[in-house]
C-alpha atoms as a PDB file:
ATOM      1  CA  MET A   1       0.000   0.000   0.000  1.00  0.00           C
ATOM      2  CA  SER A   2       1.428   3.382  -0.974  1.00  0.00           C
ATOM      3  CA  ASP A   3       1.502   6.342   1.410  1.00  0.00           C
ATOM      4  CA  GLN A   4       1.329   8.793  -1.471  1.00  0.00           C
ATOM      5  CA  PRO A   5      -1.909  10.794  -1.733  1.00  0.00           C
ATOM      6  CA  LEU A   6      -4.283   9.952  -4.531  1.00  0.00           C
ATOM      7  CA  PRO A   7      -4.493  12.455  -7.370  1.00  0.00           C
ATOM      8  CA  PRO A   8      -7.560  14.679  -7.251  1.00  0.00           C
ATOM      9  CA  SER A   9     -10.577  13.068  -8.820  1.00  0.00           C
ATOM     10  CA  SER A  10     -13.267  14.880 -10.731  1.00  0.00           C
ATOM     11  CA  GLU A  11     -15.632  13.140  -8.316  1.00  0.00           C
ATOM     12  CA  SER A  12     -13.976  14.425  -5.130  1.00  0.00           C
ATOM     13  CA  PRO A  13     -16.407  15.859  -2.533  1.00  0.00           C
ATOM     14  CA  GLU A  14     -14.895  19.332  -2.842  1.00  0.00           C
ATOM     15  CA  THR A  15     -15.539  19.432  -6.569  1.00  0.00           C
ATOM     16  CA  LEU A  16     -19.092  18.222  -6.190  1.00  0.00           C
ATOM     17  CA  ILE A  17     -19.850  20.702  -3.426  1.00  0.00           C
ATOM     18  CA  ILE A  18     -18.497  23.755  -5.194  1.00  0.00           C
ATOM     19  CA  GLU A  19     -19.763  22.985  -8.678  1.00  0.00           C
ATOM     20  CA  ASP A  20     -23.221  22.331  -7.263  1.00  0.00           C
ATOM     21  CA  CYS A  21     -23.407  25.357  -4.980  1.00  0.00           C
ATOM     22  CA  PRO A  22     -27.115  25.613  -4.172  1.00  0.00           C
ATOM     23  CA  ILE A  23     -26.968  29.338  -3.438  1.00  0.00           C
ATOM     24  CA  ASP A  24     -27.247  31.215  -6.694  1.00  0.00           C
ATOM     25  CA  ARG A  25     -28.587  34.602  -5.616  1.00  0.00           C
ATOM     26  CA  VAL A  26     -29.673  36.278  -2.421  1.00  0.00           C
ATOM     27  CA  ARG A  27     -32.080  39.185  -2.105  1.00  0.00           C
ATOM     28  CA  LEU A  28     -32.050  40.986   1.213  1.00  0.00           C
ATOM     29  CA  SER A  29     -34.941  42.367   3.205  1.00  0.00           C
ATOM     30  CA  ASN A  30     -35.582  46.116   3.300  1.00  0.00           C
ATOM     31  CA  GLN A  31     -34.604  46.112   6.960  1.00  0.00           C
ATOM     32  CA  ALA A  32     -31.256  44.451   6.168  1.00  0.00           C
ATOM     33  CA  LYS A  33     -30.660  46.876   3.299  1.00  0.00           C
ATOM     34  CA  ASN A  34     -31.272  49.857   5.592  1.00  0.00           C
ATOM     35  CA  GLN A  35     -28.971  48.361   8.211  1.00  0.00           C
ATOM     36  CA  LEU A  36     -26.250  47.903   5.569  1.00  0.00           C
ATOM     37  CA  ILE A  37     -26.661  51.534   4.515  1.00  0.00           C
ATOM     38  CA  LYS A  38     -26.016  52.529   8.140  1.00  0.00           C
ATOM     39  CA  LEU A  39     -22.968  50.229   8.330  1.00  0.00           C
ATOM     40  CA  LYS A  40     -21.589  51.650   5.079  1.00  0.00           C
ATOM     41  CA  ARG A  41     -21.921  55.165   6.487  1.00  0.00           C
ATOM     42  CA  ILE A  42     -20.262  54.244   9.807  1.00  0.00           C
ATOM     43  CA  THR A  43     -17.448  52.045   8.513  1.00  0.00           C
ATOM     44  CA  LYS A  44     -16.843  53.710   5.144  1.00  0.00           C
ATOM     45  CA  ILE A  45     -16.733  50.208   3.638  1.00  0.00           C
ATOM     46  CA  GLU A  46     -17.964  50.851   0.131  1.00  0.00           C
ATOM     47  CA  HIS A  47     -19.198  47.470  -1.069  1.00  0.00           C
ATOM     48  CA  TRP A  48     -22.280  45.614   0.140  1.00  0.00           C
ATOM     49  CA  ASN A  49     -20.686  42.222  -0.383  1.00  0.00           C
ATOM     50  CA  VAL A  50     -17.785  42.957   1.960  1.00  0.00           C
ATOM     51  CA  LEU A  51     -20.145  43.983   4.764  1.00  0.00           C
ATOM     52  CA  CYS A  52     -22.301  40.938   4.051  1.00  0.00           C
ATOM     53  CA  ARG A  53     -19.274  38.633   4.368  1.00  0.00           C
ATOM     54  CA  TRP A  54     -18.420  40.171   7.741  1.00  0.00           C
ATOM     55  CA  ALA A  55     -22.048  39.789   8.835  1.00  0.00           C
ATOM     56  CA  PHE A  56     -22.262  36.166   7.689  1.00  0.00           C
ATOM     57  CA  CYS A  57     -19.067  35.267   9.534  1.00  0.00           C
ATOM     58  CA  ARG A  58     -20.226  37.173  12.621  1.00  0.00           C
ATOM     59  CA  SER A  59     -23.369  35.066  12.719  1.00  0.00           C
ATOM     60  CA  LEU A  60     -21.486  31.807  12.145  1.00  0.00           C
ATOM     61  CA  ALA A  61     -19.315  32.660  15.170  1.00  0.00           C
ATOM     62  CA  GLU A  62     -22.361  32.649  17.459  1.00  0.00           C
ATOM     63  CA  PRO A  63     -22.774  29.337  19.297  1.00  0.00           C
ATOM     64  CA  HIS A  64     -26.560  29.127  18.958  1.00  0.00           C
ATOM     65  CA  LYS A  65     -28.692  28.597  15.869  1.00  0.00           C
ATOM     66  CA  PRO A  66     -30.379  31.574  14.243  1.00  0.00           C
ATOM     67  CA  ALA A  67     -34.095  31.898  14.978  1.00  0.00           C
ATOM     68  CA  PRO A  68     -36.144  30.017  12.386  1.00  0.00           C
ATOM     69  CA  TYR A  69     -37.993  32.667  10.403  1.00  0.00           C
ATOM     70  CA  ASN A  70     -38.207  33.613   6.766  1.00  0.00           C
ATOM     71  CA  PRO A  71     -36.718  37.079   6.192  1.00  0.00           C
ATOM     72  CA  PRO A  72     -38.650  38.789   3.407  1.00  0.00           C
ATOM     73  CA  ALA A  73     -36.871  39.383   0.112  1.00  0.00           C
ATOM     74  CA  ASP A  74     -38.536  42.766  -0.267  1.00  0.00           C
ATOM     75  CA  SER A  75     -35.644  45.055  -1.204  1.00  0.00           C
ATOM     76  CA  ASN A  76     -33.935  45.751  -4.489  1.00  0.00           C
ATOM     77  CA  LEU A  77     -30.584  44.675  -3.033  1.00  0.00           C
ATOM     78  CA  GLU A  78     -29.665  41.378  -4.619  1.00  0.00           C
ATOM     79  CA  MET A  79     -26.333  39.714  -5.265  1.00  0.00           C
ATOM     80  CA  THR A  80     -25.078  36.462  -6.671  1.00  0.00           C
ATOM     81  CA  TRP A  81     -23.211  33.963  -4.523  1.00  0.00           C
ATOM     82  CA  HIS A  82     -20.031  34.774  -6.434  1.00  0.00           C
ATOM     83  CA  THR A  83     -20.444  38.510  -5.782  1.00  0.00           C
ATOM     84  CA  PHE A  84     -21.116  37.838  -2.103  1.00  0.00           C
ATOM     85  CA  ALA A  85     -18.281  35.365  -1.585  1.00  0.00           C
ATOM     86  CA  GLY A  86     -15.685  36.431  -4.141  1.00  0.00           C
ATOM     87  CA  ASP A  87     -12.477  34.403  -3.851  1.00  0.00           C
ATOM     88  CA  LEU A  88     -13.737  32.970  -0.559  1.00  0.00           C
ATOM     89  CA  ASP A  89     -16.624  31.092  -2.183  1.00  0.00           C
ATOM     90  CA  GLU A  90     -15.347  27.614  -1.345  1.00  0.00           C
ATOM     91  CA  ILE A  91     -14.356  28.520   2.198  1.00  0.00           C
ATOM     92  CA  LEU A  92     -17.653  30.268   2.976  1.00  0.00           C
ATOM     93  CA  LEU A  93     -19.718  27.435   1.516  1.00  0.00           C
ATOM     94  CA  LEU A  94     -17.751  24.864   3.497  1.00  0.00           C
ATOM     95  CA  ALA A  95     -18.162  26.996   6.645  1.00  0.00           C
ATOM     96  CA  LEU A  96     -21.925  26.997   6.083  1.00  0.00           C
ATOM     97  CA  ILE A  97     -21.977  23.227   5.524  1.00  0.00           C
ATOM     98  CA  TYR A  98     -19.889  22.698   8.660  1.00  0.00           C
ATOM     99  CA  ARG A  99     -22.236  24.905  10.673  1.00  0.00           C
ATOM    100  CA  CYS A 100     -25.264  22.948   9.435  1.00  0.00           C
ATOM    101  CA  HIS A 101     -23.558  19.699  10.512  1.00  0.00           C
ATOM    102  CA  LYS A 102     -22.693  21.233  13.890  1.00  0.00           C
ATOM    103  CA  ASP A 103     -26.301  22.368  14.378  1.00  0.00           C
ATOM    104  CA  GLY A 104     -27.633  18.912  13.446  1.00  0.00           C
ATOM    105  CA  LEU A 105     -29.215  20.147  10.234  1.00  0.00           C
ATOM    106  CA  PRO A 106     -29.210  18.436   6.847  1.00  0.00           C
ATOM    107  CA  THR A 107     -27.061  19.889   4.077  1.00  0.00           C
ATOM    108  CA  ASP A 108     -29.564  19.601   1.266  1.00  0.00           C
ATOM    109  CA  PRO A 109     -29.804  22.600  -1.088  1.00  0.00           C
ATOM    110  CA  GLU A 110     -32.943  24.075   0.503  1.00  0.00           C
ATOM    111  CA  THR A 111     -31.517  23.924   4.029  1.00  0.00           C
ATOM    112  CA  LEU A 112     -28.252  25.530   2.893  1.00  0.00           C
ATOM    113  CA  LYS A 113     -30.153  28.362   1.175  1.00  0.00           C
ATOM    114  CA  GLN A 114     -32.330  28.897   4.234  1.00  0.00           C
ATOM    115  CA  GLN A 115     -29.440  28.819   6.704  1.00  0.00           C
ATOM    116  CA  PHE A 116     -27.394  31.178   4.551  1.00  0.00           C
ATOM    117  CA  ARG A 117     -30.226  33.750   4.541  1.00  0.00           C
ATOM    118  CA  LEU A 118     -30.770  33.337   8.285  1.00  0.00           C
ATOM    119  CA  HIS A 119     -27.078  33.751   9.124  1.00  0.00           C
ATOM    120  CA  LEU A 120     -26.667  36.692   6.760  1.00  0.00           C
ATOM    121  CA  HIS A 121     -29.664  38.581   8.144  1.00  0.00           C
ATOM    122  CA  ARG A 122     -28.803  37.769  11.760  1.00  0.00           C
ATOM    123  CA  GLY A 123     -25.201  38.863  11.245  1.00  0.00           C
ATOM    124  CA  ILE A 124     -26.241  42.184   9.728  1.00  0.00           C
ATOM    125  CA  GLY A 125     -28.457  42.784  12.742  1.00  0.00           C
ATOM    126  CA  TYR A 126     -25.624  41.947  15.133  1.00  0.00           C
ATOM    127  CA  LEU A 127     -23.209  44.323  13.450  1.00  0.00           C
ATOM    128  CA  VAL A 128     -25.686  47.196  13.518  1.00  0.00           C
ATOM    129  CA  ALA A 129     -26.696  46.544  17.119  1.00  0.00           C
ATOM    130  CA  GLU A 130     -23.161  46.949  18.418  1.00  0.00           C
ATOM    131  CA  CYS A 131     -23.143  50.445  19.876  1.00  0.00           C
ATOM    132  CA  GLU A 132     -19.350  50.583  19.800  1.00  0.00           C
ATOM    133  CA  VAL A 133     -19.276  50.474  16.029  1.00  0.00           C
ATOM    134  CA  LYS A 134     -18.891  54.155  15.240  1.00  0.00           C
ATOM    135  CA  LYS A 135     -16.120  53.874  12.691  1.00  0.00           C
ATOM    136  CA  LEU A 136     -14.032  51.215  10.965  1.00  0.00           C
ATOM    137  CA  THR A 137     -11.439  50.919  13.745  1.00  0.00           C
ATOM    138  CA  HIS A 138     -14.180  50.160  16.297  1.00  0.00           C
ATOM    139  CA  PHE A 139     -15.594  47.581  13.897  1.00  0.00           C
ATOM    140  CA  ILE A 140     -12.253  45.785  13.581  1.00  0.00           C
ATOM    141  CA  ARG A 141     -11.608  46.019  17.333  1.00  0.00           C
ATOM    142  CA  LEU A 142     -15.015  44.480  18.038  1.00  0.00           C
ATOM    143  CA  LEU A 143     -14.383  41.542  15.711  1.00  0.00           C
ATOM    144  CA  TYR A 144     -10.900  41.015  17.124  1.00  0.00           C
ATOM    145  CA  ARG A 145     -12.317  40.963  20.657  1.00  0.00           C
ATOM    146  CA  GLU A 146     -15.005  38.447  19.603  1.00  0.00           C
ATOM    147  CA  ASN A 147     -12.378  36.130  18.104  1.00  0.00           C
ATOM    148  CA  LYS A 148     -10.099  36.493  21.122  1.00  0.00           C
ATOM    149  CA  ASN A 149     -12.958  35.458  23.432  1.00  0.00           C
ATOM    150  CA  THR A 150     -13.507  32.250  21.451  1.00  0.00           C
ATOM    151  CA  ASP A 151      -9.853  31.145  21.586  1.00  0.00           C
END
């Protein structure tokens, strides 16, 4: 038996997961859009997708599941998965799949779509609710403190 790793297969789990990403587009609620407008003003971060990535990761860092509700898709703010995730698309999708496993949820396409929307909306709410977030440096300090507390 050889100890050398097998060459990547076109049927490897990573390939199947990424090529079949169930999240194509996401449309945010009006409330989330207004919260993002506030965050853009406070942080001076120009792009929606960057703030949405921070929000998604902020929610994933919480130990409890997001409340099961269906945020309305009633705004004109919509982005594709690729726009949201950028070069982090594989990592963010795998983080979502891991979180579903951790929460005892299935990883079928509908559950992944639902959990993505829930984490994104919850994370946006968390970022806006932090009173300390008055400018970008406070924002970074807050996230650093959150990560330090989980180590």
